[in-house]
Protein backbone atom coordinates (compact mmCIF):
# COMPACT_ATOMS: atom_id res chain seq x y z
CA UNK A 1 0.00 0.00 0.00
CA UNK A 2 0.96 3.65 -0.35
CA UNK A 3 1.75 4.27 3.34
CA UNK A 4 3.47 0.91 3.74
CA UNK A 5 5.83 1.81 0.88
CA UNK A 6 6.29 5.30 2.35
CA UNK A 7 7.40 3.85 5.71
CA UNK A 8 9.83 1.43 4.05
CA UNK A 9 11.30 4.32 2.06
CA UNK A 10 11.61 6.42 5.23
CA UNK A 11 13.31 3.54 7.03
CA UNK A 12 15.82 3.12 4.19
CA UNK A 13 16.51 6.87 4.08
CA UNK A 14 17.06 7.04 7.87
CA UNK A 15 19.28 3.92 7.84
CA UNK A 16 21.47 5.42 5.08
CA UNK A 17 21.50 8.75 6.88
CA UNK A 18 22.71 7.19 10.16
CA UNK A 19 25.35 5.04 8.46
CA UNK A 20 26.62 7.97 6.36
CA UNK A 21 26.76 10.21 9.44
CA UNK A 22 29.44 7.98 10.94
CA UNK A 23 32.10 9.40 8.61
CA UNK A 24 30.46 12.40 6.90
CA UNK A 25 29.19 15.66 8.44
CA UNK A 26 25.51 14.97 7.67
CA UNK A 27 23.96 15.29 11.15
CA UNK A 28 22.03 18.42 10.14
CA UNK A 29 19.95 16.42 7.64
CA UNK A 30 18.24 14.89 10.67
CA UNK A 31 16.46 18.22 11.23
CA UNK A 32 14.30 17.42 8.20
CA UNK A 33 14.52 13.62 7.92
CA UNK A 34 13.64 12.48 11.45
CA UNK A 35 10.35 14.43 11.82
CA UNK A 36 9.22 13.33 8.34
CA UNK A 37 10.02 9.68 9.18
CA UNK A 38 8.00 9.98 12.42
CA UNK A 39 5.01 11.36 10.47
CA UNK A 40 5.14 8.45 8.00
CA UNK A 41 5.10 5.98 10.91
CA UNK A 42 2.00 7.65 12.37
CA UNK A 43 0.25 7.63 8.97
CA UNK A 44 1.06 3.96 8.35
CA UNK A 45 -0.09 2.98 11.85
CA UNK A 46 -3.40 4.80 11.39
CA UNK A 47 -3.98 3.44 7.84
CA UNK A 48 -2.27 0.02 7.69
CA UNK A 49 -2.12 -1.87 4.43
CA UNK A 50 -1.10 -5.36 3.28
CA UNK A 51 2.47 -6.62 3.52
CA UNK A 52 4.92 -4.72 1.35
CA UNK A 53 6.01 -7.84 -0.52
CA UNK A 54 4.65 -11.38 -0.55
CA UNK A 55 7.01 -14.17 0.47
CA UNK A 56 6.40 -15.91 -2.86
CA UNK A 57 8.02 -13.04 -4.75
CA UNK A 58 11.28 -14.11 -6.42
CA UNK A 59 14.73 -12.98 -5.31
CA UNK A 60 15.27 -11.11 -8.60
CA UNK A 61 12.29 -8.81 -7.92
CA UNK A 62 13.51 -8.33 -4.34
CA UNK A 63 16.95 -7.25 -5.61
CA UNK A 64 15.29 -4.79 -8.02
CA UNK A 65 13.21 -3.34 -5.16
CA UNK A 66 16.28 -3.09 -2.88
CA UNK A 67 18.33 -1.27 -5.55
CA UNK A 68 15.39 1.05 -6.27
CA UNK A 69 14.91 1.86 -2.57
CA UNK A 70 18.63 2.57 -2.11
CA UNK A 71 18.67 4.84 -5.19
CA UNK A 72 15.56 6.69 -4.03
CA UNK A 73 16.95 7.02 -0.51
CA UNK A 74 20.31 8.45 -1.62
CA UNK A 75 18.64 10.92 -3.94
CA UNK A 76 16.30 11.90 -1.09
CA UNK A 77 19.33 12.62 1.11
CA UNK A 78 20.88 14.64 -1.72
CA UNK A 79 17.66 16.65 -2.09
CA UNK A 80 17.46 17.44 1.62
CA UNK A 81 21.12 18.45 1.41
CA UNK A 82 20.19 20.73 -1.53
CA UNK A 83 17.48 22.40 0.58
CA UNK A 84 19.93 23.03 3.43
CA UNK A 85 22.48 24.27 0.89
CA UNK A 86 19.93 26.74 -0.50
CA UNK A 87 19.17 28.04 3.03
CA UNK A 88 22.87 28.31 3.80
CA UNK A 89 23.58 30.14 0.54
CA UNK A 90 20.66 32.53 1.13
CA UNK A 91 21.81 33.37 4.65
CA UNK A 92 25.46 33.81 3.65
CA UNK A 93 24.51 36.21 0.85
CA UNK A 94 22.68 38.32 3.43
CA UNK A 95 25.66 38.11 5.82
CA UNK A 96 23.58 36.32 8.43
CA UNK A 97 25.98 34.12 10.42
CA UNK A 98 24.10 33.37 13.63
CA UNK A 99 22.04 30.37 14.76
CA UNK A 100 21.34 27.63 12.23
CA UNK A 101 24.01 28.68 9.72
CA UNK A 102 26.80 28.21 12.28
CA UNK A 103 25.94 24.54 12.80
CA UNK A 104 26.37 23.66 9.10
CA UNK A 105 29.65 22.56 7.48
CA UNK A 106 31.28 24.99 5.00
CA UNK A 107 29.34 25.62 1.76
CA UNK A 108 31.90 23.79 -0.40
CA UNK A 109 31.75 20.71 1.88
CA UNK A 110 27.93 20.71 1.73
CA UNK A 111 28.00 20.89 -2.06
CA UNK A 112 30.63 18.14 -2.40
CA UNK A 113 28.58 15.84 -0.17
CA UNK A 114 25.47 16.54 -2.23
CA UNK A 115 27.24 15.59 -5.47
CA UNK A 116 28.70 12.44 -3.88
CA UNK A 117 25.18 11.31 -2.96
CA UNK A 118 23.83 12.21 -6.40
CA UNK A 119 26.66 10.30 -8.10
CA UNK A 120 26.06 7.07 -6.16
CA UNK A 121 22.28 7.54 -6.34
CA UNK A 122 22.48 7.97 -10.12
CA UNK A 123 24.45 4.72 -10.50
CA UNK A 124 21.87 2.88 -8.38
CA UNK A 125 18.98 4.49 -10.30
CA UNK A 126 20.60 3.31 -13.54
CA UNK A 127 20.75 -0.25 -12.17
CA UNK A 128 17.15 0.04 -10.93
CA UNK A 129 15.94 1.06 -14.38
CA UNK A 130 17.91 -1.72 -16.10
CA UNK A 131 16.58 -4.39 -13.72
CA UNK A 132 13.08 -2.87 -13.94
CA UNK A 133 13.04 -3.09 -17.74
CA UNK A 134 13.88 -6.79 -17.40
CA UNK A 135 10.47 -7.35 -15.70
CA UNK A 136 8.53 -5.10 -18.06
CA UNK A 137 6.20 -7.10 -20.30
CA UNK A 138 3.29 -4.75 -21.05
CA UNK A 139 3.64 -1.41 -19.27
CA UNK A 140 0.00 -0.54 -19.98
CA UNK A 141 -1.37 -3.79 -18.55
CA UNK A 142 1.02 -3.60 -15.59
CA UNK A 143 0.07 0.07 -14.95
CA UNK A 144 3.71 1.12 -15.17
CA UNK A 145 3.60 3.79 -17.88
CA UNK A 146 3.80 6.80 -15.53
CA UNK A 147 6.40 5.18 -13.31
CA UNK A 148 8.60 4.14 -16.24
CA UNK A 149 8.40 7.46 -18.10
CA UNK A 150 8.90 9.63 -14.99
CA UNK A 151 11.73 7.47 -13.61
CA UNK A 152 13.53 7.71 -16.95
CA UNK A 153 12.96 11.49 -16.99
CA UNK A 154 14.40 11.78 -13.45
CA UNK A 155 17.40 9.70 -14.58
CA UNK A 156 17.95 12.14 -17.47
CA UNK A 157 17.73 15.14 -15.12
CA UNK A 158 20.27 13.71 -12.66
CA UNK A 159 22.51 12.55 -15.50
CA UNK A 160 22.43 16.02 -17.08
CA UNK A 161 23.24 17.57 -13.70
CA UNK A 162 26.32 15.36 -13.31
CA UNK A 163 27.48 16.13 -16.86
CA UNK A 164 26.91 19.85 -16.19
CA UNK A 165 28.90 19.61 -12.96
CA UNK A 166 31.94 17.86 -14.43
CA UNK A 167 31.95 19.52 -17.85
CA UNK A 168 30.70 23.04 -17.14
CA UNK A 169 31.28 23.39 -13.40
CA UNK A 170 27.61 23.79 -12.43
CA UNK A 171 27.18 24.63 -8.76
CA UNK A 172 25.17 26.83 -6.41
CA UNK A 173 21.62 27.68 -7.45
CA UNK A 174 21.88 25.80 -10.75
CA UNK A 175 22.89 22.56 -9.00
CA UNK A 176 20.21 23.02 -6.32
CA UNK A 177 17.47 23.62 -8.93
CA UNK A 178 18.41 20.57 -10.98
CA UNK A 179 18.66 18.36 -7.88
CA UNK A 180 15.24 19.37 -6.57
CA UNK A 181 13.66 19.10 -10.04
CA UNK A 182 14.96 15.55 -10.45
CA UNK A 183 13.76 14.62 -6.99
CA UNK A 184 10.24 15.98 -7.57
CA UNK A 185 10.00 13.92 -10.78
CA UNK A 186 11.22 10.85 -8.87
CA UNK A 187 8.58 11.37 -6.16
CA UNK A 188 5.89 11.63 -8.84
CA UNK A 189 7.26 8.50 -10.53
CA UNK A 190 6.80 6.30 -7.50
CA UNK A 191 4.45 7.85 -5.00
CA UNK A 192 2.42 9.86 -7.53
CA UNK A 193 1.57 6.85 -9.68
CA UNK A 194 0.99 4.70 -6.59
CA UNK A 195 -1.41 7.26 -5.07
CA UNK A 196 -3.38 7.52 -8.33
CA UNK A 197 -3.65 3.72 -8.68
CA UNK A 198 -4.81 3.31 -5.07
């Protein structure tokens, strides 16, 4: 169900966040991630659905789902990082250096971390799309048209962002805009199509 999938996604995001925080300065992402994860737990508890995946499902589908969840989770972390980066950039431009801004790592570190997450997330999203196409028989009958088209579009956005970064030196507002655009398309790909179907 929609909320069951939302909770599993939140769990994966939080797990990656906690593991990554062991050797990267990502603690500030918890300001956004932890409250959102708590809300998804409350929603799922109040509107429970069937099990996320039947036991009879083959290992190949389970691997596809795992790769997809990891890709989505890393790109979620990158998008939250982009939001914090936008706030940090806004405050620095207005020479506001008190409170929240002082707890964040330097701007360059924040941006490098964001691109690291996008890079790994993009590789995983590529693998998720490849393994997903292997199970695609009739996208209309399987109700996968929106998910397939939007996931591919998100892949193109993130791929273009990485090319722009390494070839043209994209950073700052341009990088933030592309990151958030790709993430919104990815949300629509999975949760948008799922919400409409349910």
